[in-house]
N, C-alpha and C. Protein backbone atom coordinates (compact mmCIF):
# COMPACT_ATOMS: atom_id res chain seq x y z
N MET A 1 -16.26 11.14 16.82
CA MET A 1 -15.62 10.49 15.89
C MET A 1 -13.88 9.98 15.89
N ASP A 2 -12.98 9.23 15.79
CA ASP A 2 -12.16 8.69 15.53
C ASP A 2 -11.58 8.88 14.00
N LYS A 3 -11.66 10.20 13.30
CA LYS A 3 -11.58 9.75 11.79
C LYS A 3 -10.04 9.24 11.48
N VAL A 4 -9.00 9.90 11.85
CA VAL A 4 -7.64 9.05 11.50
C VAL A 4 -7.91 7.73 12.01
N GLY A 5 -8.69 7.36 13.18
CA GLY A 5 -8.59 6.03 13.58
C GLY A 5 -9.35 5.15 12.28
N VAL A 6 -10.52 5.84 12.09
CA VAL A 6 -11.11 5.17 10.89
C VAL A 6 -10.48 5.15 9.46
N LEU A 7 -9.43 6.23 9.11
CA LEU A 7 -8.50 5.76 7.95
C LEU A 7 -7.46 5.00 8.24
N TYR A 8 -6.84 4.48 9.05
CA TYR A 8 -5.97 3.76 9.80
C TYR A 8 -6.73 1.95 9.32
N ASP A 9 -7.99 1.86 9.51
CA ASP A 9 -8.74 0.52 9.75
C ASP A 9 -8.96 0.48 8.23
N LYS A 10 -9.37 1.58 7.50
CA LYS A 10 -9.95 1.25 5.96
C LYS A 10 -8.81 0.88 5.02
N ASP A 11 -7.44 1.49 5.61
CA ASP A 11 -6.67 1.13 4.59
C ASP A 11 -6.12 -0.25 5.07
N GLY A 12 -5.91 -0.09 6.11
CA GLY A 12 -5.66 -1.82 6.94
C GLY A 12 -6.09 -2.74 6.26
N ASP A 13 -7.76 -2.82 6.00
CA ASP A 13 -8.20 -3.62 5.38
C ASP A 13 -8.03 -4.12 4.36
N MET A 14 -8.03 -2.83 3.46
CA MET A 14 -7.70 -2.95 2.10
C MET A 14 -6.52 -3.14 1.67
N MET A 15 -5.13 -3.24 2.26
CA MET A 15 -4.30 -3.76 2.05
C MET A 15 -4.04 -5.21 2.45
N HIS A 16 -4.46 -5.57 3.75
CA HIS A 16 -4.75 -7.11 3.88
C HIS A 16 -5.60 -7.83 2.45
N GLU A 17 -6.75 -7.17 2.27
CA GLU A 17 -7.55 -8.08 1.17
C GLU A 17 -6.91 -8.09 0.10
N PHE A 18 -6.62 -7.11 -0.20
CA PHE A 18 -5.36 -7.14 -1.65
C PHE A 18 -4.33 -8.23 -1.39
N SER A 19 -3.69 -7.95 -0.54
CA SER A 19 -2.47 -9.23 -0.42
C SER A 19 -3.17 -10.55 -0.39
N ARG A 20 -4.37 -10.60 0.04
CA ARG A 20 -4.94 -12.28 0.11
C ARG A 20 -5.08 -12.40 -1.41
N ARG A 21 -5.83 -11.26 -2.31
CA ARG A 21 -5.96 -11.43 -3.61
C ARG A 21 -4.91 -12.00 -3.95
N SER A 22 -3.89 -11.24 -4.32
CA SER A 22 -2.53 -11.44 -4.98
C SER A 22 -1.97 -12.57 -4.76
N LEU A 23 -2.17 -13.11 -3.27
CA LEU A 23 -1.52 -14.49 -3.28
C LEU A 23 -2.51 -15.85 -3.87
N ASP A 24 -3.62 -15.36 -3.91
CA ASP A 24 -4.54 -16.50 -4.44
C ASP A 24 -4.33 -16.22 -5.79
N ARG A 25 -4.04 -15.42 -6.59
CA ARG A 25 -3.75 -15.07 -8.11
C ARG A 25 -2.14 -15.72 -8.43
N LEU A 26 -1.51 -15.67 -7.58
CA LEU A 26 -0.18 -15.99 -7.54
C LEU A 26 -0.04 -17.49 -7.29
N ALA A 27 -0.99 -17.97 -6.76
CA ALA A 27 -0.72 -19.55 -6.34
C ALA A 27 -1.54 -20.08 -7.36
N ALA A 28 -2.09 -19.36 -7.98
CA ALA A 28 -2.95 -20.05 -8.93
C ALA A 28 -2.26 -20.35 -10.27
N GLY A 29 -1.51 -19.32 -10.72
CA GLY A 29 -0.44 -18.77 -11.68
C GLY A 29 0.81 -19.18 -11.73
N SER A 30 1.02 -19.19 -10.63
CA SER A 30 2.82 -19.95 -10.01
C SER A 30 3.25 -20.68 -8.89
N ARG A 31 2.58 -22.12 -8.79
CA ARG A 31 3.14 -22.69 -7.89
C ARG A 31 4.42 -23.19 -7.69
N LEU A 32 5.24 -22.70 -8.49
CA LEU A 32 7.17 -22.96 -8.06
C LEU A 32 7.20 -21.81 -7.51
N PHE A 33 6.88 -20.93 -7.87
CA PHE A 33 7.14 -19.14 -7.20
C PHE A 33 6.77 -19.32 -5.43
N MET A 34 5.35 -19.83 -5.36
CA MET A 34 4.94 -19.81 -3.97
C MET A 34 5.50 -21.00 -3.18
N SER A 35 6.42 -22.26 -3.68
CA SER A 35 7.16 -23.11 -3.16
C SER A 35 8.34 -22.71 -2.75
N LEU A 36 8.84 -21.62 -3.21
CA LEU A 36 9.88 -20.91 -2.23
C LEU A 36 10.22 -21.11 -1.12
N PRO A 37 10.64 -21.58 -0.64
CA PRO A 37 10.63 -21.65 1.46
C PRO A 37 10.21 -20.28 2.24
N PHE A 38 11.29 -19.03 1.51
CA PHE A 38 10.56 -18.00 1.74
C PHE A 38 10.06 -16.76 1.86
N MET A 39 9.44 -17.45 0.95
CA MET A 39 8.10 -16.65 -0.14
C MET A 39 7.10 -16.31 0.79
N SER A 40 6.37 -17.11 1.09
CA SER A 40 5.23 -17.21 2.49
C SER A 40 5.75 -15.95 3.33
N ALA A 41 6.65 -16.16 3.77
CA ALA A 41 7.08 -15.61 5.25
C ALA A 41 7.12 -13.67 4.33
N TYR A 42 7.83 -13.75 3.52
CA TYR A 42 7.99 -12.68 2.99
C TYR A 42 6.71 -11.95 2.41
N LEU A 43 6.02 -12.12 1.81
CA LEU A 43 4.89 -11.51 1.60
C LEU A 43 3.90 -11.37 2.64
N ASP A 44 3.65 -11.65 3.54
CA ASP A 44 3.19 -11.60 4.66
C ASP A 44 3.54 -10.81 5.63
N ALA A 45 5.17 -10.63 5.84
CA ALA A 45 5.45 -9.49 6.51
C ALA A 45 5.58 -8.26 5.80
N ASN A 46 5.56 -8.30 4.43
CA ASN A 46 5.91 -7.01 3.48
C ASN A 46 4.30 -6.85 3.25
N VAL A 47 3.31 -6.92 3.52
CA VAL A 47 1.72 -6.19 3.64
C VAL A 47 1.90 -5.76 5.29
N LYS A 48 2.30 -6.31 6.10
CA LYS A 48 2.51 -5.91 7.52
C LYS A 48 3.33 -4.39 7.73
N LYS A 49 4.32 -4.65 6.83
CA LYS A 49 5.18 -3.63 6.59
C LYS A 49 4.32 -2.26 5.74
N GLU A 50 3.85 -2.68 5.03
CA GLU A 50 3.32 -1.42 3.95
C GLU A 50 1.95 -1.11 4.98
N VAL A 51 1.34 -1.68 5.71
CA VAL A 51 0.42 -1.20 6.54
C VAL A 51 0.53 -0.14 7.70
N ALA A 52 2.07 -0.71 8.00
CA ALA A 52 2.57 0.40 8.69
C ALA A 52 3.25 1.85 8.54
N LYS A 53 3.30 1.86 7.25
CA LYS A 53 3.96 3.00 6.58
C LYS A 53 3.14 3.80 6.16
N ASP A 54 1.75 3.11 5.62
CA ASP A 54 0.59 3.99 4.96
C ASP A 54 0.04 4.65 6.71
N ARG A 55 -0.03 3.69 7.94
CA ARG A 55 -0.44 4.60 9.08
C ARG A 55 0.71 5.89 9.40
N LEU A 56 1.80 5.59 9.35
CA LEU A 56 2.46 6.75 9.17
C LEU A 56 2.42 7.68 8.51
N ILE A 57 2.50 7.94 7.11
CA ILE A 57 1.74 8.64 6.10
C ILE A 57 0.54 9.29 6.63
N ILE A 58 -0.63 8.17 7.08
CA ILE A 58 -1.59 8.92 7.21
C ILE A 58 -1.62 9.65 8.63
N GLU A 59 -0.79 9.61 9.43
CA GLU A 59 -0.38 10.34 10.59
C GLU A 59 0.30 11.71 10.53
N GLU A 60 0.82 11.70 9.73
CA GLU A 60 1.74 13.03 9.35
C GLU A 60 0.86 13.81 8.84
N ALA A 61 0.04 13.20 7.53
CA ALA A 61 -0.62 14.30 7.13
C ALA A 61 -1.90 14.52 7.48
N ALA A 62 -2.36 14.01 8.71
CA ALA A 62 -3.09 14.55 9.64
C ALA A 62 -3.28 15.27 11.02
N GLU A 63 -2.04 15.24 10.80
CA GLU A 63 -1.21 16.36 11.77
C GLU A 63 -0.98 17.35 11.09
N ALA A 64 -0.62 17.28 10.13
CA ALA A 64 -0.15 18.23 9.08
C ALA A 64 -1.35 19.20 9.17
N PHE A 65 -2.93 18.60 8.68
CA PHE A 65 -4.14 19.12 8.50
C PHE A 65 -4.32 20.08 9.59
N LYS A 66 -4.19 19.25 10.73
CA LYS A 66 -4.59 19.65 12.28
C LYS A 66 -4.14 21.00 12.23
N ALA A 67 -3.01 21.19 11.98
CA ALA A 67 -1.93 22.58 12.46
C ALA A 67 -2.39 23.35 11.43
N GLY A 68 -3.37 22.91 10.53
CA GLY A 68 -3.53 24.26 9.38
C GLY A 68 -2.54 24.20 8.47
N LYS A 69 -1.54 23.48 7.99
CA LYS A 69 -0.81 23.43 7.38
C LYS A 69 -1.45 22.95 5.51
N ASP A 70 -1.11 23.68 4.59
CA ASP A 70 -1.49 23.24 3.42
C ASP A 70 -0.59 21.96 2.98
N ALA A 71 -1.78 21.32 2.24
CA ALA A 71 -1.17 19.88 1.63
C ALA A 71 0.45 20.08 0.86
N CYS A 72 0.43 21.34 0.14
CA CYS A 72 1.36 21.52 -0.51
C CYS A 72 3.16 21.84 0.32
N ASP A 73 2.63 21.93 1.57
CA ASP A 73 3.81 22.32 2.75
C ASP A 73 4.06 21.38 3.18
N LEU A 74 3.49 19.61 2.87
CA LEU A 74 3.90 18.68 3.74
C LEU A 74 5.60 18.54 3.19
N ASP A 75 6.40 18.06 4.09
CA ASP A 75 7.99 17.58 3.81
C ASP A 75 7.90 16.38 3.20
N LEU A 76 7.67 16.09 2.12
CA LEU A 76 7.64 14.47 1.57
C LEU A 76 8.67 13.71 1.66
N GLU A 77 10.13 14.39 1.82
CA GLU A 77 11.19 13.87 1.80
C GLU A 77 11.21 13.38 3.23
N ASP A 78 11.09 14.27 4.37
CA ASP A 78 10.83 13.74 5.73
C ASP A 78 10.64 12.52 5.86
N ILE A 79 9.23 12.87 5.35
CA ILE A 79 8.12 11.48 5.47
C ILE A 79 8.97 10.32 4.97
N PHE A 80 9.31 10.55 3.97
CA PHE A 80 10.14 9.30 3.32
C PHE A 80 11.25 8.78 4.00
N GLU A 81 11.85 9.71 4.48
CA GLU A 81 13.22 9.26 5.86
C GLU A 81 12.45 8.54 6.58
N LYS A 82 11.14 9.07 7.31
CA LYS A 82 10.30 7.99 8.41
C LYS A 82 10.21 6.50 8.08
N THR A 83 9.57 6.60 6.72
CA THR A 83 9.20 4.98 6.16
C THR A 83 10.53 4.17 6.18
N LYS A 84 11.93 4.80 5.83
CA LYS A 84 12.74 3.61 6.11
C LYS A 84 13.10 3.21 7.49
N LYS A 85 12.61 3.64 8.39
CA LYS A 85 12.99 2.69 9.77
C LYS A 85 11.58 1.95 9.99
N VAL A 86 10.85 2.17 8.80
CA VAL A 86 9.59 0.97 8.97
C VAL A 86 10.56 -0.40 8.28
N ASP A 87 10.72 -0.14 7.04
CA ASP A 87 11.65 -0.72 6.26
C ASP A 87 12.31 -1.68 7.25
N GLN A 88 13.31 -0.87 7.76
CA GLN A 88 14.69 -1.47 8.58
C GLN A 88 13.98 -2.65 9.74
N ALA A 89 13.07 -2.47 10.36
CA ALA A 89 12.38 -3.08 11.37
C ALA A 89 11.65 -4.01 10.68
N PHE A 90 10.97 -4.18 9.36
CA PHE A 90 10.83 -5.15 8.51
C PHE A 90 12.17 -6.27 8.05
N LEU A 91 13.31 -5.84 7.53
CA LEU A 91 14.35 -6.49 7.65
C LEU A 91 14.87 -7.09 9.03
N ASN A 92 14.64 -6.62 10.02
CA ASN A 92 15.13 -6.99 11.56
C ASN A 92 14.48 -8.05 11.59
N ASN A 93 13.13 -8.36 10.90
CA ASN A 93 11.97 -9.33 11.57
C ASN A 93 11.97 -10.30 10.66
N LEU A 94 12.78 -10.04 9.30
CA LEU A 94 12.37 -10.84 8.35
C LEU A 94 13.49 -11.97 8.46
N MET A 95 13.62 -12.76 9.71
CA MET A 95 14.85 -13.91 9.74
C MET A 95 14.51 -15.47 8.65
N ILE A 96 15.49 -15.21 7.60
CA ILE A 96 15.09 -16.20 6.66
C ILE A 96 17.14 -16.42 6.65
N PRO A 97 17.00 -17.89 6.98
CA PRO A 97 18.37 -18.53 6.61
C PRO A 97 18.66 -18.19 5.05
N THR A 98 20.32 -17.74 4.86
CA THR A 98 20.77 -17.52 3.69
C THR A 98 20.00 -16.36 2.74
N PHE A 99 19.28 -15.33 3.46
CA PHE A 99 18.87 -14.73 2.83
C PHE A 99 18.98 -13.13 3.11
N SER A 100 19.41 -12.45 2.01
CA SER A 100 19.70 -10.97 2.92
C SER A 100 19.14 -9.95 1.95
N PHE A 101 19.12 -9.02 2.22
CA PHE A 101 18.38 -7.79 1.43
C PHE A 101 19.44 -6.52 1.40
N SER A 102 19.73 -5.96 0.43
CA SER A 102 20.19 -4.80 0.15
C SER A 102 19.57 -3.77 -0.71
N ILE A 103 18.95 -3.14 0.26
CA ILE A 103 17.95 -1.93 -0.30
C ILE A 103 18.51 -0.85 -1.31
N ARG A 104 18.23 -0.69 -2.46
CA ARG A 104 18.88 0.56 -3.20
C ARG A 104 17.76 1.30 -3.17
N TYR A 105 17.21 2.38 -2.28
CA TYR A 105 16.10 3.43 -2.33
C TYR A 105 16.44 4.20 -4.06
N SER A 106 17.32 4.38 -4.18
CA SER A 106 17.25 5.08 -5.43
C SER A 106 16.62 4.57 -6.43
N ASP A 107 16.35 3.21 -6.39
CA ASP A 107 15.68 2.57 -7.64
C ASP A 107 13.65 2.76 -7.49
N PHE A 108 13.74 3.29 -6.29
CA PHE A 108 12.38 3.49 -5.97
C PHE A 108 11.86 4.52 -5.44
N ALA A 109 12.78 5.46 -5.20
CA ALA A 109 12.30 6.65 -4.69
C ALA A 109 11.28 7.35 -4.84
N ASP A 110 11.64 7.91 -5.89
CA ASP A 110 10.36 8.57 -7.04
C ASP A 110 8.97 7.93 -6.53
N ILE A 111 8.87 6.65 -6.66
CA ILE A 111 7.70 5.99 -6.50
C ILE A 111 6.85 6.00 -5.20
N ARG A 112 7.63 5.76 -4.40
CA ARG A 112 7.35 5.80 -2.79
C ARG A 112 7.19 7.31 -2.67
N ILE A 113 7.58 8.40 -2.81
CA ILE A 113 7.48 9.90 -2.60
C ILE A 113 6.33 10.38 -3.14
N LYS A 114 5.99 9.58 -4.86
CA LYS A 114 4.73 10.11 -5.06
C LYS A 114 3.55 9.05 -4.50
N ARG A 115 3.73 7.84 -3.92
CA ARG A 115 2.43 7.50 -3.17
C ARG A 115 2.57 7.88 -1.69
N ILE A 116 3.08 8.45 -1.22
CA ILE A 116 3.52 9.34 -0.13
C ILE A 116 2.27 10.48 -0.30
N TRP A 117 2.59 11.24 -1.47
CA TRP A 117 1.73 12.34 -1.74
C TRP A 117 0.43 12.27 -2.49
N ARG A 118 -0.04 10.80 -2.47
CA ARG A 118 -0.92 11.02 -2.99
C ARG A 118 -2.11 10.22 -1.50
N ILE A 119 -1.52 9.51 -0.77
CA ILE A 119 -1.94 9.69 0.27
C ILE A 119 -2.42 10.26 1.16
N SER A 120 -1.53 11.19 1.30
CA SER A 120 -1.54 12.51 1.78
C SER A 120 -2.61 13.46 1.75
N LYS A 121 -2.95 13.59 0.01
CA LYS A 121 -3.70 14.41 -0.44
C LYS A 121 -5.42 13.94 -0.19
N THR A 122 -5.02 12.16 -0.34
CA THR A 122 -6.70 11.90 0.05
C THR A 122 -7.05 11.94 1.31
N VAL A 123 -6.03 12.22 2.59
CA VAL A 123 -6.23 12.37 3.91
C VAL A 123 -6.76 13.78 3.85
N TYR A 124 -6.39 14.92 3.15
CA TYR A 124 -6.73 16.12 3.50
C TYR A 124 -7.86 16.13 2.73
N ALA A 125 -8.32 15.46 1.81
CA ALA A 125 -9.04 15.90 0.83
C ALA A 125 -10.56 15.26 1.82
N LEU A 126 -10.59 14.00 2.33
CA LEU A 126 -11.43 13.35 3.25
C LEU A 126 -11.64 14.51 4.64
N LEU A 127 -10.64 14.51 5.07
CA LEU A 127 -10.78 15.32 6.53
C LEU A 127 -11.02 16.87 6.44
N GLY A 128 -11.18 17.37 5.12
CA GLY A 128 -11.77 19.06 4.82
C GLY A 128 -13.21 18.59 4.93
N LYS A 129 -13.80 17.60 4.34
CA LYS A 129 -14.93 17.22 4.02
C LYS A 129 -15.80 16.49 4.95
N TRP A 130 -15.32 16.45 6.06
CA TRP A 130 -16.04 15.06 7.00
C TRP A 130 -16.62 15.71 8.43
N PRO A 131 -17.82 15.99 8.08
CA PRO A 131 -18.40 16.43 9.28
C PRO A 131 -18.68 14.96 10.18
N ASP A 132 -18.60 15.82 11.67
CA ASP A 132 -18.41 14.62 12.79
C ASP A 132 -19.38 13.38 12.61
N THR A 133 -20.53 13.67 12.18
CA THR A 133 -21.94 12.66 12.36
C THR A 133 -21.39 11.70 11.00
N ALA A 134 -20.80 12.12 9.87
CA ALA A 134 -20.85 11.46 8.59
C ALA A 134 -20.04 10.23 8.75
N ALA A 135 -20.76 9.35 8.02
CA ALA A 135 -19.63 7.80 7.81
C ALA A 135 -18.99 7.84 6.60
N PHE A 136 -18.06 7.18 6.96
CA PHE A 136 -17.07 7.10 5.60
C PHE A 136 -17.52 7.12 4.18
N ALA A 137 -18.42 6.40 3.76
CA ALA A 137 -18.56 5.95 2.82
C ALA A 137 -19.73 7.58 2.24
N ASP A 138 -20.31 8.35 3.47
CA ASP A 138 -21.00 9.49 2.90
C ASP A 138 -19.93 10.32 2.44
N VAL A 139 -18.53 10.63 3.18
CA VAL A 139 -17.36 11.78 2.78
C VAL A 139 -16.97 11.54 1.50
N VAL A 140 -16.89 10.05 1.37
CA VAL A 140 -16.15 9.45 0.19
C VAL A 140 -17.13 9.72 -0.97
N ARG A 141 -18.07 9.80 -1.15
CA ARG A 141 -19.03 10.06 -2.04
C ARG A 141 -19.02 11.71 -2.20
N ASN A 142 -19.02 12.38 -1.05
CA ASN A 142 -19.38 13.72 -1.37
C ASN A 142 -17.95 13.93 -1.87
N VAL A 143 -16.72 13.30 -1.87
CA VAL A 143 -15.37 14.11 -1.81
C VAL A 143 -14.68 13.59 -3.48
N TYR A 144 -15.35 12.54 -3.99
CA TYR A 144 -15.01 11.76 -5.18
C TYR A 144 -16.45 11.57 -6.04
N THR A 145 -16.14 11.66 -7.41
CA THR A 145 -17.02 10.95 -8.28
C THR A 145 -16.73 9.21 -8.32
N GLU A 146 -17.67 8.75 -8.43
CA GLU A 146 -17.39 7.08 -8.67
C GLU A 146 -16.15 7.04 -9.61
N GLN A 147 -15.85 7.11 -10.33
CA GLN A 147 -14.85 7.34 -11.52
C GLN A 147 -13.56 7.47 -10.66
N SER A 148 -13.66 8.92 -10.18
CA SER A 148 -12.24 9.22 -9.71
C SER A 148 -11.74 8.55 -8.39
N PHE A 149 -12.80 7.91 -7.81
CA PHE A 149 -12.31 7.25 -6.67
C PHE A 149 -11.93 5.76 -6.88
N LYS A 150 -12.36 5.40 -8.21
CA LYS A 150 -11.86 3.84 -8.74
C LYS A 150 -10.35 4.13 -8.97
N GLU A 151 -10.01 5.29 -9.47
CA GLU A 151 -8.80 5.56 -10.32
C GLU A 151 -7.84 5.90 -8.98
N LEU A 152 -7.91 6.64 -8.07
CA LEU A 152 -7.72 6.67 -6.65
C LEU A 152 -7.29 5.21 -5.85
N ILE A 153 -7.98 4.25 -5.78
CA ILE A 153 -7.49 2.85 -5.61
C ILE A 153 -6.52 2.29 -6.41
N ARG A 154 -6.91 2.42 -7.65
CA ARG A 154 -6.13 1.74 -8.69
C ARG A 154 -4.81 2.17 -8.45
N GLU A 155 -4.15 3.65 -8.55
CA GLU A 155 -3.38 4.32 -8.40
C GLU A 155 -2.55 4.32 -7.18
N ILE A 156 -2.99 4.15 -6.06
CA ILE A 156 -2.36 4.13 -5.28
C ILE A 156 -1.77 2.53 -4.81
N LEU A 157 -2.69 1.47 -5.12
CA LEU A 157 -1.88 0.04 -5.20
C LEU A 157 -1.22 -0.12 -6.39
N HIS A 158 -1.19 0.55 -7.87
CA HIS A 158 -0.49 0.41 -8.92
C HIS A 158 0.92 0.68 -8.10
N LEU A 159 0.94 1.92 -7.54
CA LEU A 159 2.50 2.78 -7.04
C LEU A 159 3.15 1.70 -5.96
N TYR A 160 2.10 0.82 -5.31
CA TYR A 160 3.02 -0.10 -4.36
C TYR A 160 3.34 -1.21 -4.99
N ASN A 161 2.75 -1.59 -5.99
CA ASN A 161 2.95 -2.96 -6.88
C ASN A 161 4.55 -2.22 -7.25
N LEU A 162 4.65 -1.19 -8.14
CA LEU A 162 5.55 -0.82 -8.71
C LEU A 162 6.80 -1.20 -7.25
N GLU A 163 6.41 -0.28 -6.58
CA GLU A 163 7.74 -0.66 -5.29
C GLU A 163 8.09 -1.79 -5.37
N THR A 164 7.25 -2.81 -5.09
CA THR A 164 7.35 -3.92 -4.50
C THR A 164 8.40 -4.73 -5.54
N ARG A 165 7.90 -4.72 -7.05
CA ARG A 165 9.10 -5.04 -8.11
C ARG A 165 10.39 -4.68 -7.97
N MET A 166 10.08 -3.20 -7.63
CA MET A 166 11.85 -2.73 -7.46
C MET A 166 12.27 -3.20 -6.76
N LEU A 167 11.78 -3.40 -5.52
CA LEU A 167 12.00 -3.76 -4.33
C LEU A 167 12.84 -5.15 -4.43
N ILE A 168 12.09 -6.24 -5.02
CA ILE A 168 12.88 -7.23 -5.55
C ILE A 168 13.56 -7.73 -6.59
N ARG A 169 13.78 -6.63 -7.13
CA ARG A 169 14.96 -6.22 -8.19
C ARG A 169 16.40 -5.92 -7.48
N SER A 170 16.11 -5.33 -6.27
CA SER A 170 17.49 -4.69 -5.59
C SER A 170 17.86 -5.39 -4.58
N MET A 171 16.85 -6.71 -4.15
CA MET A 171 17.64 -7.29 -3.49
C MET A 171 18.53 -8.13 -3.41
N GLY A 172 19.26 -8.42 -2.43
CA GLY A 172 20.74 -9.12 -2.56
C GLY A 172 20.46 -10.52 -2.28
N LEU A 173 20.49 -11.82 -2.73
CA LEU A 173 20.28 -12.88 -2.78
C LEU A 173 21.29 -13.82 -2.17
N LEU A 174 21.76 -14.03 -1.34
CA LEU A 174 23.00 -14.94 -1.30
C LEU A 174 22.27 -16.50 -0.84
N SER A 175 21.32 -17.21 -2.14
CA SER A 175 20.81 -18.30 -1.74
C SER A 175 20.96 -18.74 -3.01
N PRO A 176 20.17 -20.14 -3.30
CA PRO A 176 20.35 -20.94 -4.64
C PRO A 176 18.89 -20.42 -5.37
N PHE A 177 17.91 -19.40 -4.31
CA PHE A 177 16.78 -19.14 -5.47
C PHE A 177 17.11 -17.73 -5.98
N SER A 178 18.11 -17.18 -6.08
CA SER A 178 18.53 -15.67 -6.20
C SER A 178 17.37 -16.04 -8.04
N LYS A 179 17.93 -17.05 -8.72
CA LYS A 179 17.16 -16.91 -10.47
C LYS A 179 16.03 -17.54 -10.33
N ALA A 180 15.53 -17.98 -9.55
CA ALA A 180 13.90 -18.34 -9.54
C ALA A 180 13.30 -17.26 -9.07
N MET A 181 13.97 -15.95 -7.88
CA MET A 181 13.09 -15.15 -7.68
C MET A 181 13.19 -13.99 -8.66
N THR A 182 14.36 -13.81 -9.45
CA THR A 182 14.32 -12.61 -10.41
C THR A 182 13.37 -13.20 -11.61
N SER A 183 13.28 -14.42 -11.90
CA SER A 183 12.79 -14.88 -13.18
C SER A 183 11.35 -14.45 -12.78
N ARG A 184 10.79 -14.86 -11.52
CA ARG A 184 9.33 -14.71 -11.59
C ARG A 184 8.58 -13.29 -11.05
N ALA A 185 9.54 -12.25 -10.69
CA ALA A 185 9.21 -11.03 -10.29
C ALA A 185 7.95 -10.53 -11.00
N GLU A 186 8.52 -10.93 -12.14
CA GLU A 186 7.15 -9.91 -13.29
C GLU A 186 5.78 -10.78 -13.08
N THR A 187 6.01 -12.09 -12.96
CA THR A 187 4.57 -13.17 -12.36
C THR A 187 3.94 -12.09 -11.15
N LEU A 188 4.63 -11.79 -10.24
CA LEU A 188 4.20 -11.54 -8.88
C LEU A 188 3.66 -10.57 -9.27
N PHE A 189 4.46 -9.47 -9.83
CA PHE A 189 4.04 -8.03 -10.23
C PHE A 189 2.69 -7.92 -10.91
N GLN A 190 2.67 -9.06 -11.82
CA GLN A 190 1.26 -9.13 -12.68
C GLN A 190 -0.22 -9.64 -11.85
N ALA A 191 0.43 -10.16 -10.67
CA ALA A 191 -0.59 -10.52 -9.95
C ALA A 191 -1.17 -9.70 -9.38
N MET A 192 -0.21 -8.94 -8.79
CA MET A 192 -0.38 -7.73 -8.29
C MET A 192 -1.57 -6.89 -8.73
N GLU A 193 -0.80 -6.52 -9.97
CA GLU A 193 -1.83 -5.79 -10.77
C GLU A 193 -3.53 -6.07 -10.79
N ASP A 194 -3.39 -7.50 -11.24
CA ASP A 194 -4.60 -7.86 -11.47
C ASP A 194 -5.38 -7.50 -10.13
N ALA A 195 -5.26 -7.81 -9.07
CA ALA A 195 -5.30 -7.97 -7.60
C ALA A 195 -5.55 -6.38 -7.86
N ALA A 196 -5.19 -5.26 -7.99
CA ALA A 196 -5.32 -4.15 -7.70
C ALA A 196 -6.71 -4.03 -8.67
N GLU A 197 -6.66 -4.01 -9.89
CA GLU A 197 -8.13 -3.92 -10.68
C GLU A 197 -8.83 -4.32 -9.89
N ASP A 198 -9.16 -5.34 -9.18
CA ASP A 198 -10.07 -6.02 -8.66
C ASP A 198 -10.38 -5.03 -7.45
N MET A 199 -9.76 -4.67 -7.10
CA MET A 199 -10.05 -4.40 -5.41
C MET A 199 -10.76 -2.53 -5.72
N ALA A 200 -10.23 -2.20 -6.91
CA ALA A 200 -10.76 -0.96 -7.30
C ALA A 200 -12.27 -0.87 -7.66
N HIS A 201 -12.41 -1.86 -8.13
CA HIS A 201 -14.00 -2.19 -8.71
C HIS A 201 -14.98 -3.01 -7.12
N THR A 202 -14.21 -3.55 -6.51
CA THR A 202 -14.59 -4.11 -5.28
C THR A 202 -15.07 -2.99 -4.65
N TYR A 203 -14.20 -1.95 -4.23
CA TYR A 203 -14.16 -0.99 -2.89
C TYR A 203 -15.06 0.20 -3.37
N THR A 204 -15.17 0.30 -4.87
CA THR A 204 -15.90 1.49 -5.44
C THR A 204 -17.17 0.85 -5.84
N ASN A 205 -17.38 -0.27 -5.66
CA ASN A 205 -18.53 -0.97 -5.49
C ASN A 205 -19.41 -0.55 -4.24
N LYS A 206 -19.03 -0.95 -3.27
CA LYS A 206 -18.95 -0.61 -1.81
C LYS A 206 -19.39 0.37 -1.40
N ILE A 207 -18.75 1.60 -1.98
CA ILE A 207 -19.25 3.05 -1.72
C ILE A 207 -20.23 3.64 -2.61
N PHE A 208 -20.38 3.19 -3.82
CA PHE A 208 -21.03 3.81 -4.72
C PHE A 208 -22.21 2.69 -5.29
N GLY A 209 -21.96 1.52 -4.96
CA GLY A 209 -23.21 0.61 -5.76
C GLY A 209 -24.55 0.72 -5.19
N ASN A 210 -24.59 1.07 -3.83
CA ASN A 210 -25.72 1.19 -3.00
C ASN A 210 -25.62 2.03 -2.14
N LYS A 211 -26.44 3.43 -2.81
CA LYS A 211 -25.76 4.58 -1.95
C LYS A 211 -26.57 4.39 -0.50
N ASN A 212 -27.32 3.23 0.30
CA ASN A 212 -27.89 3.18 1.53
C ASN A 212 -27.27 2.68 2.28
N VAL A 213 -25.81 1.73 1.82
CA VAL A 213 -25.20 1.17 2.23
C VAL A 213 -24.02 2.11 2.87
N TYR A 214 -23.89 1.68 4.59
CA TYR A 214 -22.96 2.70 5.15
C TYR A 214 -21.66 1.64 5.53
N VAL A 215 -20.23 2.04 4.87
CA VAL A 215 -19.27 1.12 5.61
C VAL A 215 -18.11 1.86 5.82
């Protein structure tokens, strides 16, 4: 079984579903925000960037686990530096006229490093108790209680939401949409927080709601 591949897929599925739910909430609560010409392109590219960063973090943690390193020996700063390359690819591909970014990593470095650590610890916890024949759901139930798993999903998504909010605030917007973007940053954040709560409940129920269902 490709356990690391399963982790990639589960994370990717969760993040794309989370993005969809966030956008649904945002569209329902702030049509003006979604009408900004660049917003749809930005949010779509942003979740792809996040999945790519998560994949990098999972890969780094899995390789360290395989090498016999303790989780506490992970070089979180090095992983953080590698995630910047993913950010740069995101910026290069986001071709929006009159729209530019100026990322101030000092604004959210602590938040990202905390998220890197949380994801890495999760990788270690799961791989450490994952028999070759076990389904993902069985492993999760063996490692986490229902409440601790729900809190894990909520925390990982919350840290992403915090970073996204800080990223928006650190943008350099050379366009007439700057004021609208700034004034609605909290609307976006709240939509994402509400979606995160939904996701924590949904994914916990998938794993613990029916012990005979394997996902």
